[in-house]
Amino acid sequence: MAREEVLRVSHISKVYRMDGVTFTAIDNVSLVVGSGEYVAIMGPSGSGKSTLMHTIGCLDRPTEGAVHIGGKDVSRVSDRELAKIRNTSIGFVFQQFNLLRRTSAIANVELPLIYRGISVSLRHARAKQMLIDVGLGEKLSNFPSQLSGGQQQRVAIARALVTDPQILLADEPTGNLDSKSGAEILSLFDSLHDKGRTIILVTHELEVASRARRIIRIADGKIIEDKKVKHS
């Protein structure tokens, strides 16, 4: 049974021009991700994987080609519409956590819902439930400085999921964690995938990528391999 298409990237390229020098970061890349897929985009530093992630995540626009999310071409919409798509369709998880330092865990998770105009009571209830779901039900009022790195990443994941996005986009999510905390975060991603979440994980580590069900390798701005991964 074919999966519903969530993401389609069609022949995109990203070209940077600085001081008369032209650099192609991604070169004629195409891929399709279906609903509920767990995909790892893997490549070394400078391979183009971060540029591809930024383009998929509507943080940047392709120089050529098109990006469709949920069937909508997002590569040519206005900046305002692009910001709305980021808020509603994509949940971001970054290596650096990107939490507000002087704000409690629950207030950090509520933040995307404030931009959506959700009422105080509803966003508080949603944020609380998301923190419970990621195992931080007893840390609602804690500030980031009172949490371990793994716990901070769980807050970031709860914040990414609170809007119920079509895609969870994670950029090196274990890069700032020790091995134990990193393994726990990857187990959380496994659980989210089992519940039907669409996950795209960007990494340079094979050990991290191998947790996904599909690995896309990128080098010199091009996809060089796209293969399914079997799990016992």
C-alpha atoms as a PDB file:
ATOM      1  CA  MET A   1       0.000   0.000   0.000  1.00  0.00           C
ATOM      2  CA  ALA A   2       1.478   3.330  -1.099  1.00  0.00           C
ATOM      3  CA  ARG A   3       2.076   5.968   1.559  1.00  0.00           C
ATOM      4  CA  GLU A   4       0.491   9.384   1.275  1.00  0.00           C
ATOM      5  CA  GLU A   5       3.070  11.829  -0.020  1.00  0.00           C
ATOM      6  CA  VAL A   6       4.148  14.397   2.579  1.00  0.00           C
ATOM      7  CA  LEU A   7       7.237  15.879   0.933  1.00  0.00           C
ATOM      8  CA  ARG A   8       8.305  16.125  -2.705  1.00  0.00           C
ATOM      9  CA  VAL A   9      11.569  17.767  -3.680  1.00  0.00           C
ATOM     10  CA  SER A  10      11.802  18.241  -7.455  1.00  0.00           C
ATOM     11  CA  HIS A  11      15.140  18.991  -9.142  1.00  0.00           C
ATOM     12  CA  ILE A  12      16.228  21.608  -6.626  1.00  0.00           C
ATOM     13  CA  SER A  13      19.557  23.385  -6.712  1.00  0.00           C
ATOM     14  CA  LYS A  14      20.946  26.003  -4.363  1.00  0.00           C
ATOM     15  CA  VAL A  15      23.617  28.310  -5.722  1.00  0.00           C
ATOM     16  CA  TYR A  16      25.472  30.909  -3.655  1.00  0.00           C
ATOM     17  CA  ARG A  17      27.300  33.810  -5.266  1.00  0.00           C
ATOM     18  CA  MET A  18      29.783  35.842  -3.221  1.00  0.00           C
ATOM     19  CA  ASP A  19      32.488  38.207  -4.412  1.00  0.00           C
ATOM     20  CA  GLY A  20      32.225  36.904  -7.939  1.00  0.00           C
ATOM     21  CA  VAL A  21      32.554  33.276  -6.856  1.00  0.00           C
ATOM     22  CA  THR A  22      29.730  30.798  -7.508  1.00  0.00           C
ATOM     23  CA  PHE A  23      29.227  27.781  -5.247  1.00  0.00           C
ATOM     24  CA  THR A  24      26.585  25.089  -5.794  1.00  0.00           C
ATOM     25  CA  ALA A  25      25.589  23.658  -2.382  1.00  0.00           C
ATOM     26  CA  ILE A  26      22.934  21.267  -3.703  1.00  0.00           C
ATOM     27  CA  ASP A  27      22.732  20.209  -7.325  1.00  0.00           C
ATOM     28  CA  ASN A  28      19.557  18.921  -9.016  1.00  0.00           C
ATOM     29  CA  VAL A  29      18.261  16.948  -6.007  1.00  0.00           C
ATOM     30  CA  SER A  30      14.925  15.111  -6.097  1.00  0.00           C
ATOM     31  CA  LEU A  31      13.284  12.927  -3.441  1.00  0.00           C
ATOM     32  CA  VAL A  32       9.880  11.950  -2.098  1.00  0.00           C
ATOM     33  CA  VAL A  33       8.965  11.181   1.526  1.00  0.00           C
ATOM     34  CA  GLY A  34       5.726   9.450   2.422  1.00  0.00           C
ATOM     35  CA  SER A  35       3.607   9.837   5.552  1.00  0.00           C
ATOM     36  CA  GLY A  36       5.026   7.905   8.496  1.00  0.00           C
ATOM     37  CA  GLU A  37       8.478   7.404   6.981  1.00  0.00           C
ATOM     38  CA  TYR A  38      11.634   7.634   9.096  1.00  0.00           C
ATOM     39  CA  VAL A  39      14.375   8.975   6.830  1.00  0.00           C
ATOM     40  CA  ALA A  40      17.989   9.851   7.585  1.00  0.00           C
ATOM     41  CA  ILE A  41      19.854  12.273   5.329  1.00  0.00           C
ATOM     42  CA  MET A  42      23.514  11.472   5.820  1.00  0.00           C
ATOM     43  CA  GLY A  43      26.727  13.070   4.629  1.00  0.00           C
ATOM     44  CA  PRO A  44      30.011  14.577   5.808  1.00  0.00           C
ATOM     45  CA  SER A  45      30.528  18.239   6.597  1.00  0.00           C
ATOM     46  CA  GLY A  46      30.201  20.304   3.423  1.00  0.00           C
ATOM     47  CA  SER A  47      28.192  17.644   1.591  1.00  0.00           C
ATOM     48  CA  GLY A  48      25.112  19.862   1.235  1.00  0.00           C
ATOM     49  CA  LYS A  49      22.933  18.052   3.771  1.00  0.00           C
ATOM     50  CA  SER A  50      22.397  21.158   5.942  1.00  0.00           C
ATOM     51  CA  THR A  51      21.458  23.252   2.909  1.00  0.00           C
ATOM     52  CA  LEU A  52      19.018  20.537   1.883  1.00  0.00           C
ATOM     53  CA  MET A  53      17.563  20.493   5.403  1.00  0.00           C
ATOM     54  CA  HIS A  54      17.141  24.285   5.400  1.00  0.00           C
ATOM     55  CA  THR A  55      15.377  24.092   2.045  1.00  0.00           C
ATOM     56  CA  ILE A  56      13.080  21.251   3.120  1.00  0.00           C
ATOM     57  CA  GLY A  57      12.352  23.130   6.342  1.00  0.00           C
ATOM     58  CA  CYS A  58      11.383  26.350   4.526  1.00  0.00           C
ATOM     59  CA  LEU A  59      14.282  28.196   6.155  1.00  0.00           C
ATOM     60  CA  ASP A  60      15.716  28.889   2.711  1.00  0.00           C
ATOM     61  CA  ARG A  61      14.511  28.837  -0.885  1.00  0.00           C
ATOM     62  CA  PRO A  62      15.977  26.821  -3.748  1.00  0.00           C
ATOM     63  CA  THR A  63      17.632  28.675  -6.605  1.00  0.00           C
ATOM     64  CA  GLU A  64      15.956  26.238  -8.989  1.00  0.00           C
ATOM     65  CA  GLY A  65      13.318  23.519  -8.654  1.00  0.00           C
ATOM     66  CA  ALA A  66      10.382  23.156  -6.294  1.00  0.00           C
ATOM     67  CA  VAL A  67       9.551  21.860  -2.810  1.00  0.00           C
ATOM     68  CA  HIS A  68       6.048  20.558  -2.097  1.00  0.00           C
ATOM     69  CA  ILE A  69       4.856  19.939   1.469  1.00  0.00           C
ATOM     70  CA  GLY A  70       1.478  18.292   1.805  1.00  0.00           C
ATOM     71  CA  GLY A  71       0.952  18.889  -1.925  1.00  0.00           C
ATOM     72  CA  LYS A  72       1.603  22.649  -1.684  1.00  0.00           C
ATOM     73  CA  ASP A  73       4.481  24.283  -3.563  1.00  0.00           C
ATOM     74  CA  VAL A  74       6.260  26.192  -0.790  1.00  0.00           C
ATOM     75  CA  SER A  75       9.227  27.373  -2.840  1.00  0.00           C
ATOM     76  CA  ARG A  76       7.544  30.414  -4.346  1.00  0.00           C
ATOM     77  CA  VAL A  77       5.196  31.636  -1.599  1.00  0.00           C
ATOM     78  CA  SER A  78       5.595  34.922   0.300  1.00  0.00           C
ATOM     79  CA  ASP A  79       7.828  35.183   3.366  1.00  0.00           C
ATOM     80  CA  ARG A  80       4.737  35.515   5.546  1.00  0.00           C
ATOM     81  CA  GLU A  81       3.187  32.359   4.113  1.00  0.00           C
ATOM     82  CA  LEU A  82       6.510  30.567   4.485  1.00  0.00           C
ATOM     83  CA  ALA A  83       6.620  31.462   8.195  1.00  0.00           C
ATOM     84  CA  LYS A  84       3.090  30.083   8.586  1.00  0.00           C
ATOM     85  CA  ILE A  85       4.088  26.818   6.896  1.00  0.00           C
ATOM     86  CA  ARG A  86       7.087  26.486   9.232  1.00  0.00           C
ATOM     87  CA  ASN A  87       4.798  26.975  12.223  1.00  0.00           C
ATOM     88  CA  THR A  88       2.092  24.553  11.124  1.00  0.00           C
ATOM     89  CA  SER A  89       3.723  21.878   8.971  1.00  0.00           C
ATOM     90  CA  ILE A  90       7.261  21.390  10.292  1.00  0.00           C
ATOM     91  CA  GLY A  91       8.584  20.684  13.765  1.00  0.00           C
ATOM     92  CA  PHE A  92      12.276  21.514  14.204  1.00  0.00           C
ATOM     93  CA  VAL A  93      14.754  19.820  16.541  1.00  0.00           C
ATOM     94  CA  PHE A  94      18.269  21.267  16.543  1.00  0.00           C
ATOM     95  CA  GLN A  95      21.625  20.160  17.910  1.00  0.00           C
ATOM     96  CA  GLN A  96      21.821  23.237  20.163  1.00  0.00           C
ATOM     97  CA  PHE A  97      18.273  22.760  21.620  1.00  0.00           C
ATOM     98  CA  ASN A  98      17.499  26.492  21.044  1.00  0.00           C
ATOM     99  CA  LEU A  99      15.480  26.848  24.251  1.00  0.00           C
ATOM    100  CA  LEU A 100      14.802  30.221  25.890  1.00  0.00           C
ATOM    101  CA  ARG A 101      17.118  30.135  28.898  1.00  0.00           C
ATOM    102  CA  ARG A 102      14.982  32.197  31.299  1.00  0.00           C
ATOM    103  CA  THR A 103      11.756  30.413  30.427  1.00  0.00           C
ATOM    104  CA  SER A 104      10.297  27.261  31.980  1.00  0.00           C
ATOM    105  CA  ALA A 105      10.037  24.001  30.092  1.00  0.00           C
ATOM    106  CA  ILE A 106       6.281  24.315  29.642  1.00  0.00           C
ATOM    107  CA  ALA A 107       6.546  27.942  28.460  1.00  0.00           C
ATOM    108  CA  ASN A 108       9.195  26.903  25.912  1.00  0.00           C
ATOM    109  CA  VAL A 109       6.841  24.246  24.549  1.00  0.00           C
ATOM    110  CA  GLU A 110       3.917  26.698  24.441  1.00  0.00           C
ATOM    111  CA  LEU A 111       5.833  29.173  22.270  1.00  0.00           C
ATOM    112  CA  PRO A 112       4.789  27.901  18.792  1.00  0.00           C
ATOM    113  CA  LEU A 113       1.147  27.914  19.925  1.00  0.00           C
ATOM    114  CA  ILE A 114       1.383  31.586  20.923  1.00  0.00           C
ATOM    115  CA  TYR A 115       2.271  32.423  17.319  1.00  0.00           C
ATOM    116  CA  ARG A 116      -0.830  30.481  16.232  1.00  0.00           C
ATOM    117  CA  GLY A 117      -3.088  32.509  18.504  1.00  0.00           C
ATOM    118  CA  ILE A 118      -4.122  29.517  20.644  1.00  0.00           C
ATOM    119  CA  SER A 119      -5.808  30.436  23.944  1.00  0.00           C
ATOM    120  CA  VAL A 120      -3.769  30.363  27.155  1.00  0.00           C
ATOM    121  CA  SER A 121      -5.662  27.450  28.688  1.00  0.00           C
ATOM    122  CA  LEU A 122      -5.525  25.285  25.555  1.00  0.00           C
ATOM    123  CA  ARG A 123      -1.862  25.869  24.799  1.00  0.00           C
ATOM    124  CA  HIS A 124      -0.966  25.199  28.439  1.00  0.00           C
ATOM    125  CA  ALA A 125      -2.866  21.907  28.352  1.00  0.00           C
ATOM    126  CA  ARG A 126      -1.270  20.860  25.057  1.00  0.00           C
ATOM    127  CA  ALA A 127       2.241  21.752  26.218  1.00  0.00           C
ATOM    128  CA  LYS A 128       1.763  19.874  29.490  1.00  0.00           C
ATOM    129  CA  GLN A 129       0.600  16.755  27.665  1.00  0.00           C
ATOM    130  CA  MET A 130       3.520  16.901  25.226  1.00  0.00           C
ATOM    131  CA  LEU A 131       6.009  17.101  28.111  1.00  0.00           C
ATOM    132  CA  ILE A 132       4.297  14.155  29.769  1.00  0.00           C
ATOM    133  CA  ASP A 133       4.525  12.247  26.479  1.00  0.00           C
ATOM    134  CA  VAL A 134       8.312  12.761  26.291  1.00  0.00           C
ATOM    135  CA  GLY A 135       8.796  11.750  29.928  1.00  0.00           C
ATOM    136  CA  LEU A 136       9.107  15.180  31.552  1.00  0.00           C
ATOM    137  CA  GLY A 137       5.794  15.428  33.356  1.00  0.00           C
ATOM    138  CA  GLU A 138       7.612  16.303  36.585  1.00  0.00           C
ATOM    139  CA  LYS A 139       9.795  19.012  35.013  1.00  0.00           C
ATOM    140  CA  LEU A 140       7.150  21.447  33.753  1.00  0.00           C
ATOM    141  CA  SER A 141       8.421  24.418  35.757  1.00  0.00           C
ATOM    142  CA  ASN A 142      12.138  23.729  35.422  1.00  0.00           C
ATOM    143  CA  PHE A 143      14.358  26.128  33.517  1.00  0.00           C
ATOM    144  CA  PRO A 144      16.809  24.769  30.918  1.00  0.00           C
ATOM    145  CA  SER A 145      19.731  25.312  33.337  1.00  0.00           C
ATOM    146  CA  GLN A 146      17.998  22.906  35.738  1.00  0.00           C
ATOM    147  CA  LEU A 147      17.772  20.155  33.117  1.00  0.00           C
ATOM    148  CA  SER A 148      20.339  17.754  31.688  1.00  0.00           C
ATOM    149  CA  GLY A 149      21.233  17.920  28.010  1.00  0.00           C
ATOM    150  CA  GLY A 150      19.006  14.950  27.255  1.00  0.00           C
ATOM    151  CA  GLN A 151      16.108  16.539  29.124  1.00  0.00           C
ATOM    152  CA  GLN A 152      16.593  19.816  27.263  1.00  0.00           C
ATOM    153  CA  GLN A 153      16.424  17.940  23.969  1.00  0.00           C
ATOM    154  CA  ARG A 154      13.203  16.282  25.133  1.00  0.00           C
ATOM    155  CA  VAL A 155      11.754  19.748  25.778  1.00  0.00           C
ATOM    156  CA  ALA A 156      12.837  20.750  22.262  1.00  0.00           C
ATOM    157  CA  ILE A 157      11.153  17.646  20.823  1.00  0.00           C
ATOM    158  CA  ALA A 158       7.953  18.401  22.764  1.00  0.00           C
ATOM    159  CA  ARG A 159       8.039  21.962  21.390  1.00  0.00           C
ATOM    160  CA  ALA A 160       8.515  20.612  17.857  1.00  0.00           C
ATOM    161  CA  LEU A 161       5.534  18.267  18.191  1.00  0.00           C
ATOM    162  CA  VAL A 162       3.071  20.533  19.998  1.00  0.00           C
ATOM    163  CA  THR A 163       1.678  21.916  16.717  1.00  0.00           C
ATOM    164  CA  ASP A 164       1.160  18.371  15.361  1.00  0.00           C
ATOM    165  CA  PRO A 165       3.369  19.014  12.297  1.00  0.00           C
ATOM    166  CA  GLN A 166       3.387  16.938   9.133  1.00  0.00           C
ATOM    167  CA  ILE A 167       7.171  16.520   9.361  1.00  0.00           C
ATOM    168  CA  LEU A 168       9.534  16.308  12.338  1.00  0.00           C
ATOM    169  CA  LEU A 169      12.868  17.629  11.060  1.00  0.00           C
ATOM    170  CA  ALA A 170      15.859  16.886  13.305  1.00  0.00           C
ATOM    171  CA  ASP A 171      19.333  18.312  12.648  1.00  0.00           C
ATOM    172  CA  GLU A 172      22.090  16.336  14.442  1.00  0.00           C
ATOM    173  CA  PRO A 173      19.755  15.898  17.468  1.00  0.00           C
ATOM    174  CA  THR A 174      22.288  13.863  19.471  1.00  0.00           C
ATOM    175  CA  GLY A 175      25.338  15.958  18.554  1.00  0.00           C
ATOM    176  CA  ASN A 176      25.542  17.730  21.935  1.00  0.00           C
ATOM    177  CA  LEU A 177      24.666  14.705  24.082  1.00  0.00           C
ATOM    178  CA  ASP A 178      26.653  11.995  25.808  1.00  0.00           C
ATOM    179  CA  SER A 179      26.200   8.467  24.481  1.00  0.00           C
ATOM    180  CA  LYS A 180      23.576   7.450  27.066  1.00  0.00           C
ATOM    181  CA  SER A 181      21.425  10.549  26.554  1.00  0.00           C
ATOM    182  CA  GLY A 182      21.865  10.251  22.783  1.00  0.00           C
ATOM    183  CA  ALA A 183      20.631   6.666  22.835  1.00  0.00           C
ATOM    184  CA  GLU A 184      17.587   7.714  24.870  1.00  0.00           C
ATOM    185  CA  ILE A 185      16.721  10.443  22.345  1.00  0.00           C
ATOM    186  CA  LEU A 186      17.052   7.988  19.460  1.00  0.00           C
ATOM    187  CA  SER A 187      14.770   5.561  21.318  1.00  0.00           C
ATOM    188  CA  LEU A 188      12.262   8.402  21.626  1.00  0.00           C
ATOM    189  CA  PHE A 189      12.432   8.932  17.850  1.00  0.00           C
ATOM    190  CA  ASP A 190      11.868   5.185  17.372  1.00  0.00           C
ATOM    191  CA  SER A 191       8.749   5.455  19.529  1.00  0.00           C
ATOM    192  CA  LEU A 192       7.487   8.503  17.624  1.00  0.00           C
ATOM    193  CA  HIS A 193       7.987   6.647  14.345  1.00  0.00           C
ATOM    194  CA  ASP A 194       6.085   3.652  15.709  1.00  0.00           C
ATOM    195  CA  LYS A 195       3.190   6.034  16.445  1.00  0.00           C
ATOM    196  CA  GLY A 196       3.137   7.185  12.816  1.00  0.00           C
ATOM    197  CA  ARG A 197       5.238  10.354  12.899  1.00  0.00           C
ATOM    198  CA  THR A 198       7.089  11.366   9.738  1.00  0.00           C
ATOM    199  CA  ILE A 199      10.715  11.961  10.716  1.00  0.00           C
ATOM    200  CA  ILE A 200      13.590  13.346   8.654  1.00  0.00           C
ATOM    201  CA  LEU A 201      16.865  13.195  10.549  1.00  0.00           C
ATOM    202  CA  VAL A 202      20.042  14.896   9.328  1.00  0.00           C
ATOM    203  CA  THR A 203      23.325  13.443  10.567  1.00  0.00           C
ATOM    204  CA  HIS A 204      26.912  12.636   9.665  1.00  0.00           C
ATOM    205  CA  GLU A 205      26.985   9.557  11.917  1.00  0.00           C
ATOM    206  CA  LEU A 206      26.170   6.108  10.523  1.00  0.00           C
ATOM    207  CA  GLU A 207      25.224   4.853  13.990  1.00  0.00           C
ATOM    208  CA  VAL A 208      22.528   7.534  14.223  1.00  0.00           C
ATOM    209  CA  ALA A 209      21.367   7.179  10.606  1.00  0.00           C
ATOM    210  CA  SER A 210      21.003   3.413  10.959  1.00  0.00           C
ATOM    211  CA  ARG A 211      18.096   3.927  13.370  1.00  0.00           C
ATOM    212  CA  ALA A 212      16.025   5.229  10.451  1.00  0.00           C
ATOM    213  CA  ARG A 213      14.171   2.993   7.971  1.00  0.00           C
ATOM    214  CA  ARG A 214      15.670   4.722   4.944  1.00  0.00           C
ATOM    215  CA  ILE A 215      19.061   6.356   4.451  1.00  0.00           C
ATOM    216  CA  ILE A 216      19.716   9.007   1.809  1.00  0.00           C
ATOM    217  CA  ARG A 217      23.420   9.700   1.345  1.00  0.00           C
ATOM    218  CA  ILE A 218      24.505  13.037  -0.053  1.00  0.00           C
ATOM    219  CA  ALA A 219      27.955  14.124  -1.271  1.00  0.00           C
ATOM    220  CA  ASP A 220      29.067  17.197  -3.199  1.00  0.00           C
ATOM    221  CA  GLY A 221      25.481  18.421  -3.280  1.00  0.00           C
ATOM    222  CA  LYS A 222      24.076  15.303  -4.954  1.00  0.00           C
ATOM    223  CA  ILE A 223      22.212  12.227  -3.731  1.00  0.00           C
ATOM    224  CA  ILE A 224      24.551   9.266  -4.221  1.00  0.00           C
ATOM    225  CA  GLU A 225      22.457   6.583  -2.515  1.00  0.00           C
ATOM    226  CA  ASP A 226      18.860   6.121  -1.368  1.00  0.00           C
ATOM    227  CA  LYS A 227      18.172   2.781   0.299  1.00  0.00           C
ATOM    228  CA  LYS A 228      15.743   1.115   2.685  1.00  0.00           C
ATOM    229  CA  VAL A 229      17.065  -0.167   6.020  1.00  0.00           C
ATOM    230  CA  LYS A 230      15.762  -3.409   7.472  1.00  0.00           C
ATOM    231  CA  HIS A 231      15.296  -3.682  11.241  1.00  0.00           C
ATOM    232  CA  SER A 232      14.843  -6.981  13.041  1.00  0.00           C
END
